[in-house]
N, C-alpha and C. Protein backbone atom coordinates (compact mmCIF):
# COMPACT_ATOMS: atom_id res chain seq x y z
N MET A 1 -5.55 -16.73 -0.03
CA MET A 1 -4.18 -16.44 0.29
C MET A 1 -3.38 -16.00 -0.93
N TYR A 2 -3.77 -16.46 -2.12
CA TYR A 2 -3.06 -16.03 -3.33
C TYR A 2 -3.32 -14.56 -3.64
N PHE A 3 -4.49 -14.06 -3.21
CA PHE A 3 -4.76 -12.64 -3.37
C PHE A 3 -3.79 -11.82 -2.51
N ILE A 4 -3.51 -12.33 -1.32
CA ILE A 4 -2.57 -11.64 -0.44
C ILE A 4 -1.16 -11.71 -1.02
N ALA A 5 -0.80 -12.85 -1.58
CA ALA A 5 0.51 -12.97 -2.23
C ALA A 5 0.60 -12.01 -3.42
N ALA A 6 -0.48 -11.86 -4.18
CA ALA A 6 -0.49 -10.92 -5.30
C ALA A 6 -0.30 -9.49 -4.79
N PHE A 7 -0.89 -9.17 -3.67
CA PHE A 7 -0.69 -7.87 -3.03
C PHE A 7 0.79 -7.70 -2.69
N GLY A 8 1.41 -8.77 -2.18
CA GLY A 8 2.83 -8.73 -1.85
C GLY A 8 3.71 -8.51 -3.07
N VAL A 9 3.35 -9.12 -4.20
CA VAL A 9 4.10 -8.93 -5.44
C VAL A 9 3.97 -7.48 -5.91
N LEU A 10 2.76 -6.94 -5.84
CA LEU A 10 2.55 -5.54 -6.22
C LEU A 10 3.35 -4.62 -5.30
N MET A 11 3.34 -4.93 -4.02
CA MET A 11 4.11 -4.15 -3.05
C MET A 11 5.60 -4.25 -3.38
N LEU A 12 6.06 -5.43 -3.79
CA LEU A 12 7.46 -5.61 -4.17
C LEU A 12 7.83 -4.73 -5.36
N LEU A 13 6.96 -4.66 -6.35
CA LEU A 13 7.23 -3.83 -7.52
C LEU A 13 7.35 -2.35 -7.14
N PHE A 14 6.43 -1.87 -6.31
CA PHE A 14 6.52 -0.48 -5.85
C PHE A 14 7.77 -0.27 -4.99
N SER A 15 8.11 -1.25 -4.19
CA SER A 15 9.30 -1.15 -3.34
C SER A 15 10.57 -1.03 -4.18
N LEU A 16 10.65 -1.83 -5.24
CA LEU A 16 11.82 -1.77 -6.12
C LEU A 16 11.90 -0.41 -6.82
N MET A 17 10.74 0.13 -7.17
CA MET A 17 10.72 1.46 -7.78
C MET A 17 11.25 2.50 -6.78
N MET A 18 10.81 2.40 -5.53
CA MET A 18 11.30 3.32 -4.50
C MET A 18 12.81 3.17 -4.32
N LEU A 19 13.27 1.94 -4.34
CA LEU A 19 14.69 1.66 -4.09
C LEU A 19 15.57 2.17 -5.22
N PHE A 20 15.19 1.91 -6.46
CA PHE A 20 16.06 2.23 -7.58
C PHE A 20 15.75 3.55 -8.29
N ARG A 21 14.53 4.04 -8.14
CA ARG A 21 14.16 5.30 -8.81
C ARG A 21 13.29 6.15 -7.87
N PRO A 22 13.85 6.57 -6.75
CA PRO A 22 13.06 7.29 -5.75
C PRO A 22 12.44 8.59 -6.26
N ASP A 23 13.16 9.32 -7.10
CA ASP A 23 12.60 10.57 -7.62
C ASP A 23 11.43 10.31 -8.56
N ALA A 24 11.56 9.29 -9.39
CA ALA A 24 10.47 8.92 -10.29
C ALA A 24 9.26 8.43 -9.49
N PHE A 25 9.52 7.72 -8.39
CA PHE A 25 8.43 7.25 -7.54
C PHE A 25 7.67 8.44 -6.94
N ALA A 26 8.43 9.41 -6.42
CA ALA A 26 7.81 10.61 -5.84
C ALA A 26 7.01 11.36 -6.90
N GLN A 27 7.58 11.51 -8.08
CA GLN A 27 6.87 12.20 -9.15
C GLN A 27 5.63 11.42 -9.58
N GLY A 28 5.71 10.09 -9.54
CA GLY A 28 4.55 9.26 -9.85
C GLY A 28 3.40 9.49 -8.88
N ILE A 29 3.71 9.63 -7.61
CA ILE A 29 2.68 9.92 -6.61
C ILE A 29 2.03 11.26 -6.92
N ILE A 30 2.86 12.25 -7.20
CA ILE A 30 2.34 13.60 -7.49
C ILE A 30 1.47 13.58 -8.75
N SER A 31 1.94 12.92 -9.79
CA SER A 31 1.17 12.84 -11.05
C SER A 31 -0.14 12.10 -10.83
N PHE A 32 -0.09 10.99 -10.10
CA PHE A 32 -1.30 10.21 -9.86
C PHE A 32 -2.32 11.00 -9.05
N SER A 33 -1.83 11.83 -8.13
CA SER A 33 -2.75 12.60 -7.29
C SER A 33 -3.54 13.63 -8.10
N GLU A 34 -3.08 13.94 -9.29
CA GLU A 34 -3.77 14.91 -10.14
C GLU A 34 -4.85 14.28 -11.01
N ARG A 35 -4.93 12.98 -11.02
CA ARG A 35 -5.95 12.28 -11.81
C ARG A 35 -7.30 12.41 -11.12
N PRO A 36 -8.38 12.50 -11.90
CA PRO A 36 -9.71 12.65 -11.28
C PRO A 36 -10.15 11.42 -10.48
N TYR A 37 -9.60 10.26 -10.80
CA TYR A 37 -9.98 9.03 -10.10
C TYR A 37 -9.06 8.69 -8.93
N PHE A 38 -8.09 9.57 -8.63
CA PHE A 38 -7.13 9.32 -7.55
C PHE A 38 -7.82 9.00 -6.23
N HIS A 39 -8.67 9.90 -5.77
CA HIS A 39 -9.30 9.74 -4.45
C HIS A 39 -10.18 8.48 -4.40
N PRO A 40 -11.11 8.29 -5.36
CA PRO A 40 -11.92 7.06 -5.30
C PRO A 40 -11.09 5.79 -5.40
N PHE A 41 -10.05 5.80 -6.24
CA PHE A 41 -9.19 4.62 -6.37
C PHE A 41 -8.51 4.29 -5.06
N GLU A 42 -7.99 5.30 -4.39
CA GLU A 42 -7.32 5.09 -3.11
C GLU A 42 -8.28 4.49 -2.07
N ILE A 43 -9.50 4.96 -2.06
CA ILE A 43 -10.50 4.44 -1.11
C ILE A 43 -10.84 3.00 -1.45
N ILE A 44 -11.22 2.77 -2.70
CA ILE A 44 -11.68 1.44 -3.11
C ILE A 44 -10.56 0.41 -2.99
N SER A 45 -9.34 0.78 -3.38
CA SER A 45 -8.24 -0.19 -3.31
C SER A 45 -7.96 -0.61 -1.87
N ARG A 46 -8.03 0.31 -0.93
CA ARG A 46 -7.79 -0.05 0.47
C ARG A 46 -8.93 -0.89 1.04
N LEU A 47 -10.15 -0.55 0.67
CA LEU A 47 -11.29 -1.35 1.16
C LEU A 47 -11.24 -2.76 0.59
N ILE A 48 -10.91 -2.90 -0.67
CA ILE A 48 -10.81 -4.24 -1.27
C ILE A 48 -9.65 -5.02 -0.65
N ALA A 49 -8.48 -4.39 -0.56
CA ALA A 49 -7.33 -5.07 0.04
C ALA A 49 -7.62 -5.46 1.49
N GLY A 50 -8.21 -4.56 2.24
CA GLY A 50 -8.55 -4.86 3.64
C GLY A 50 -9.53 -6.02 3.73
N GLY A 51 -10.53 -6.02 2.87
CA GLY A 51 -11.50 -7.12 2.85
C GLY A 51 -10.85 -8.45 2.51
N ILE A 52 -9.92 -8.43 1.56
CA ILE A 52 -9.21 -9.66 1.18
C ILE A 52 -8.34 -10.15 2.34
N PHE A 53 -7.63 -9.24 2.98
CA PHE A 53 -6.79 -9.64 4.11
C PHE A 53 -7.63 -10.25 5.23
N VAL A 54 -8.77 -9.65 5.53
CA VAL A 54 -9.64 -10.19 6.58
C VAL A 54 -10.23 -11.54 6.15
N ALA A 55 -10.72 -11.62 4.92
CA ALA A 55 -11.37 -12.83 4.44
C ALA A 55 -10.42 -14.02 4.36
N TYR A 56 -9.16 -13.77 4.00
CA TYR A 56 -8.21 -14.87 3.80
C TYR A 56 -7.18 -14.99 4.92
N ALA A 57 -7.35 -14.26 5.97
CA ALA A 57 -6.38 -14.29 7.08
C ALA A 57 -6.18 -15.70 7.62
N ALA A 58 -7.24 -16.46 7.73
CA ALA A 58 -7.15 -17.81 8.29
C ALA A 58 -6.32 -18.75 7.43
N ASP A 59 -6.15 -18.43 6.16
CA ASP A 59 -5.37 -19.28 5.25
C ASP A 59 -3.89 -18.95 5.24
N THR A 60 -3.47 -17.98 6.04
CA THR A 60 -2.07 -17.57 6.07
C THR A 60 -1.36 -18.20 7.27
N GLN A 61 -0.06 -17.99 7.33
CA GLN A 61 0.71 -18.53 8.45
C GLN A 61 0.55 -17.72 9.73
N PHE A 62 0.06 -16.49 9.60
CA PHE A 62 -0.12 -15.61 10.77
C PHE A 62 -1.49 -14.95 10.70
N PRO A 63 -2.54 -15.73 10.99
CA PRO A 63 -3.90 -15.23 10.81
C PRO A 63 -4.21 -13.94 11.58
N LEU A 64 -3.78 -13.85 12.81
CA LEU A 64 -4.08 -12.66 13.60
C LEU A 64 -3.43 -11.41 12.99
N LEU A 65 -2.19 -11.54 12.58
CA LEU A 65 -1.48 -10.43 11.96
C LEU A 65 -2.21 -9.95 10.70
N PHE A 66 -2.63 -10.89 9.87
CA PHE A 66 -3.32 -10.52 8.64
C PHE A 66 -4.71 -9.95 8.92
N GLN A 67 -5.34 -10.44 9.95
CA GLN A 67 -6.62 -9.88 10.37
C GLN A 67 -6.45 -8.41 10.77
N VAL A 68 -5.41 -8.13 11.55
CA VAL A 68 -5.14 -6.77 12.01
C VAL A 68 -4.79 -5.86 10.83
N ILE A 69 -3.92 -6.35 9.93
CA ILE A 69 -3.57 -5.55 8.75
C ILE A 69 -4.82 -5.24 7.94
N GLY A 70 -5.68 -6.24 7.76
CA GLY A 70 -6.92 -6.04 7.02
C GLY A 70 -7.82 -5.00 7.67
N LEU A 71 -7.95 -5.08 8.98
CA LEU A 71 -8.79 -4.11 9.68
C LEU A 71 -8.22 -2.70 9.59
N VAL A 72 -6.88 -2.58 9.66
CA VAL A 72 -6.26 -1.26 9.52
C VAL A 72 -6.53 -0.71 8.12
N LEU A 73 -6.39 -1.56 7.10
CA LEU A 73 -6.69 -1.11 5.73
C LEU A 73 -8.15 -0.67 5.59
N LEU A 74 -9.06 -1.40 6.20
CA LEU A 74 -10.48 -1.02 6.16
C LEU A 74 -10.71 0.31 6.87
N LEU A 75 -10.04 0.52 7.99
CA LEU A 75 -10.16 1.79 8.70
C LEU A 75 -9.57 2.95 7.89
N VAL A 76 -8.44 2.71 7.26
CA VAL A 76 -7.82 3.76 6.43
C VAL A 76 -8.73 4.09 5.25
N GLY A 77 -9.30 3.06 4.62
CA GLY A 77 -10.23 3.29 3.51
C GLY A 77 -11.44 4.09 3.96
N THR A 78 -11.96 3.76 5.12
CA THR A 78 -13.10 4.50 5.67
C THR A 78 -12.71 5.94 5.99
N GLY A 79 -11.53 6.11 6.59
CA GLY A 79 -11.05 7.45 6.89
C GLY A 79 -10.86 8.29 5.63
N LEU A 80 -10.33 7.67 4.57
CA LEU A 80 -10.17 8.39 3.30
C LEU A 80 -11.53 8.76 2.71
N ALA A 81 -12.51 7.88 2.88
CA ALA A 81 -13.86 8.18 2.37
C ALA A 81 -14.44 9.41 3.06
N LEU A 82 -14.03 9.66 4.28
CA LEU A 82 -14.53 10.80 5.04
C LEU A 82 -13.66 12.05 4.85
N THR A 83 -12.55 11.90 4.14
CA THR A 83 -11.62 13.00 3.91
C THR A 83 -11.96 13.70 2.60
N PRO A 84 -12.01 15.01 2.59
CA PRO A 84 -12.24 15.71 1.32
C PRO A 84 -11.11 15.42 0.33
N PRO A 85 -11.43 15.20 -0.94
CA PRO A 85 -10.40 14.88 -1.94
C PRO A 85 -9.26 15.91 -2.01
N ARG A 86 -9.56 17.19 -1.85
CA ARG A 86 -8.50 18.20 -1.94
C ARG A 86 -7.48 18.05 -0.81
N LEU A 87 -7.94 17.65 0.39
CA LEU A 87 -7.01 17.43 1.50
C LEU A 87 -6.18 16.17 1.27
N HIS A 88 -6.80 15.15 0.71
CA HIS A 88 -6.09 13.91 0.41
C HIS A 88 -4.99 14.19 -0.62
N LYS A 89 -5.32 14.95 -1.66
CA LYS A 89 -4.34 15.30 -2.69
C LYS A 89 -3.20 16.11 -2.08
N LYS A 90 -3.54 17.08 -1.26
CA LYS A 90 -2.53 17.92 -0.62
C LYS A 90 -1.58 17.07 0.23
N PHE A 91 -2.14 16.12 0.97
CA PHE A 91 -1.34 15.23 1.80
C PHE A 91 -0.42 14.36 0.93
N ALA A 92 -0.94 13.84 -0.17
CA ALA A 92 -0.14 12.98 -1.05
C ALA A 92 1.04 13.75 -1.63
N VAL A 93 0.79 14.95 -2.11
CA VAL A 93 1.85 15.76 -2.71
C VAL A 93 2.88 16.15 -1.65
N GLN A 94 2.39 16.57 -0.50
CA GLN A 94 3.30 16.98 0.58
C GLN A 94 4.14 15.79 1.04
N SER A 95 3.54 14.62 1.16
CA SER A 95 4.27 13.42 1.58
C SER A 95 5.32 13.02 0.55
N ALA A 96 4.94 13.05 -0.73
CA ALA A 96 5.88 12.69 -1.79
C ALA A 96 7.09 13.61 -1.79
N ASN A 97 6.84 14.88 -1.60
CA ASN A 97 7.95 15.84 -1.59
C ASN A 97 8.82 15.72 -0.34
N SER A 98 8.21 15.55 0.81
CA SER A 98 8.99 15.51 2.05
C SER A 98 9.68 14.18 2.27
N CYS A 99 9.17 13.11 1.69
CA CYS A 99 9.77 11.78 1.88
C CYS A 99 10.69 11.37 0.74
N ARG A 100 10.79 12.22 -0.26
CA ARG A 100 11.60 11.90 -1.46
C ARG A 100 13.00 11.41 -1.09
N ASN A 101 13.63 12.03 -0.12
CA ASN A 101 14.99 11.65 0.27
C ASN A 101 15.05 10.34 1.06
N TYR A 102 13.91 9.86 1.51
CA TYR A 102 13.88 8.64 2.31
C TYR A 102 13.34 7.43 1.53
N PHE A 103 12.87 7.66 0.30
CA PHE A 103 12.26 6.57 -0.45
C PHE A 103 13.23 5.41 -0.71
N ARG A 104 14.50 5.70 -0.91
CA ARG A 104 15.46 4.61 -1.15
C ARG A 104 15.55 3.70 0.08
N LEU A 105 15.64 4.28 1.27
CA LEU A 105 15.69 3.50 2.51
C LEU A 105 14.37 2.77 2.73
N ILE A 106 13.27 3.48 2.55
CA ILE A 106 11.94 2.86 2.72
C ILE A 106 11.79 1.70 1.75
N GLY A 107 12.24 1.89 0.51
CA GLY A 107 12.15 0.83 -0.49
C GLY A 107 12.95 -0.39 -0.10
N ALA A 108 14.15 -0.19 0.44
CA ALA A 108 14.99 -1.32 0.86
C ALA A 108 14.30 -2.13 1.96
N VAL A 109 13.75 -1.44 2.93
CA VAL A 109 13.03 -2.14 4.01
C VAL A 109 11.78 -2.82 3.46
N SER A 110 11.10 -2.13 2.58
CA SER A 110 9.85 -2.64 2.02
C SER A 110 10.05 -3.86 1.13
N VAL A 111 11.21 -3.97 0.47
CA VAL A 111 11.50 -5.17 -0.32
C VAL A 111 11.49 -6.39 0.60
N GLY A 112 12.16 -6.27 1.73
CA GLY A 112 12.18 -7.38 2.69
C GLY A 112 10.79 -7.70 3.23
N LEU A 113 10.03 -6.67 3.53
CA LEU A 113 8.67 -6.88 4.03
C LEU A 113 7.77 -7.50 2.95
N SER A 114 8.02 -7.15 1.70
CA SER A 114 7.23 -7.73 0.60
C SER A 114 7.47 -9.24 0.52
N PHE A 115 8.74 -9.64 0.60
CA PHE A 115 9.04 -11.08 0.57
C PHE A 115 8.46 -11.79 1.79
N ALA A 116 8.50 -11.14 2.94
CA ALA A 116 7.91 -11.73 4.15
C ALA A 116 6.41 -11.88 3.99
N LEU A 117 5.76 -10.90 3.40
CA LEU A 117 4.31 -10.97 3.16
C LEU A 117 3.98 -12.13 2.22
N ILE A 118 4.72 -12.23 1.14
CA ILE A 118 4.48 -13.33 0.18
C ILE A 118 4.70 -14.67 0.86
N TYR A 119 5.78 -14.80 1.61
CA TYR A 119 6.06 -16.05 2.33
C TYR A 119 4.94 -16.39 3.31
N ALA A 120 4.51 -15.41 4.09
CA ALA A 120 3.46 -15.65 5.08
C ALA A 120 2.14 -16.02 4.43
N ALA A 121 1.92 -15.53 3.22
CA ALA A 121 0.66 -15.83 2.52
C ALA A 121 0.66 -17.23 1.92
N VAL A 122 1.77 -17.62 1.30
CA VAL A 122 1.79 -18.92 0.61
C VAL A 122 2.67 -19.95 1.27
N GLY A 123 3.56 -19.54 2.16
CA GLY A 123 4.35 -20.47 2.93
C GLY A 123 5.36 -21.26 2.12
N LEU A 124 5.95 -20.65 1.11
CA LEU A 124 6.94 -21.37 0.31
C LEU A 124 8.26 -21.39 1.01
């Protein structure tokens, strides 16, 4: 469950970046997509996070919810593994550019969801 809470803290940091520096966040996505390890990192990080959510779901306050989130992450990781890297990069850049004006709102909502995730994982 502490791994899930750590995921929530990481999500909180990204959420705060979206909230307070949306343009820098969008540019960060674009810059990261140009790295040679972008595609493998995106796949591996989702598979690991999904595996952690599934493995530790029973230790959280909402086991079924965490099981579902974990399975979705595993499916997304698998889908990315089947996606050509150039299409994944194109999608990332296009999403960063088209969502740039919404990152502040998304970040505000995501801050709340980050705290809810941390709470559900550790129950403080």
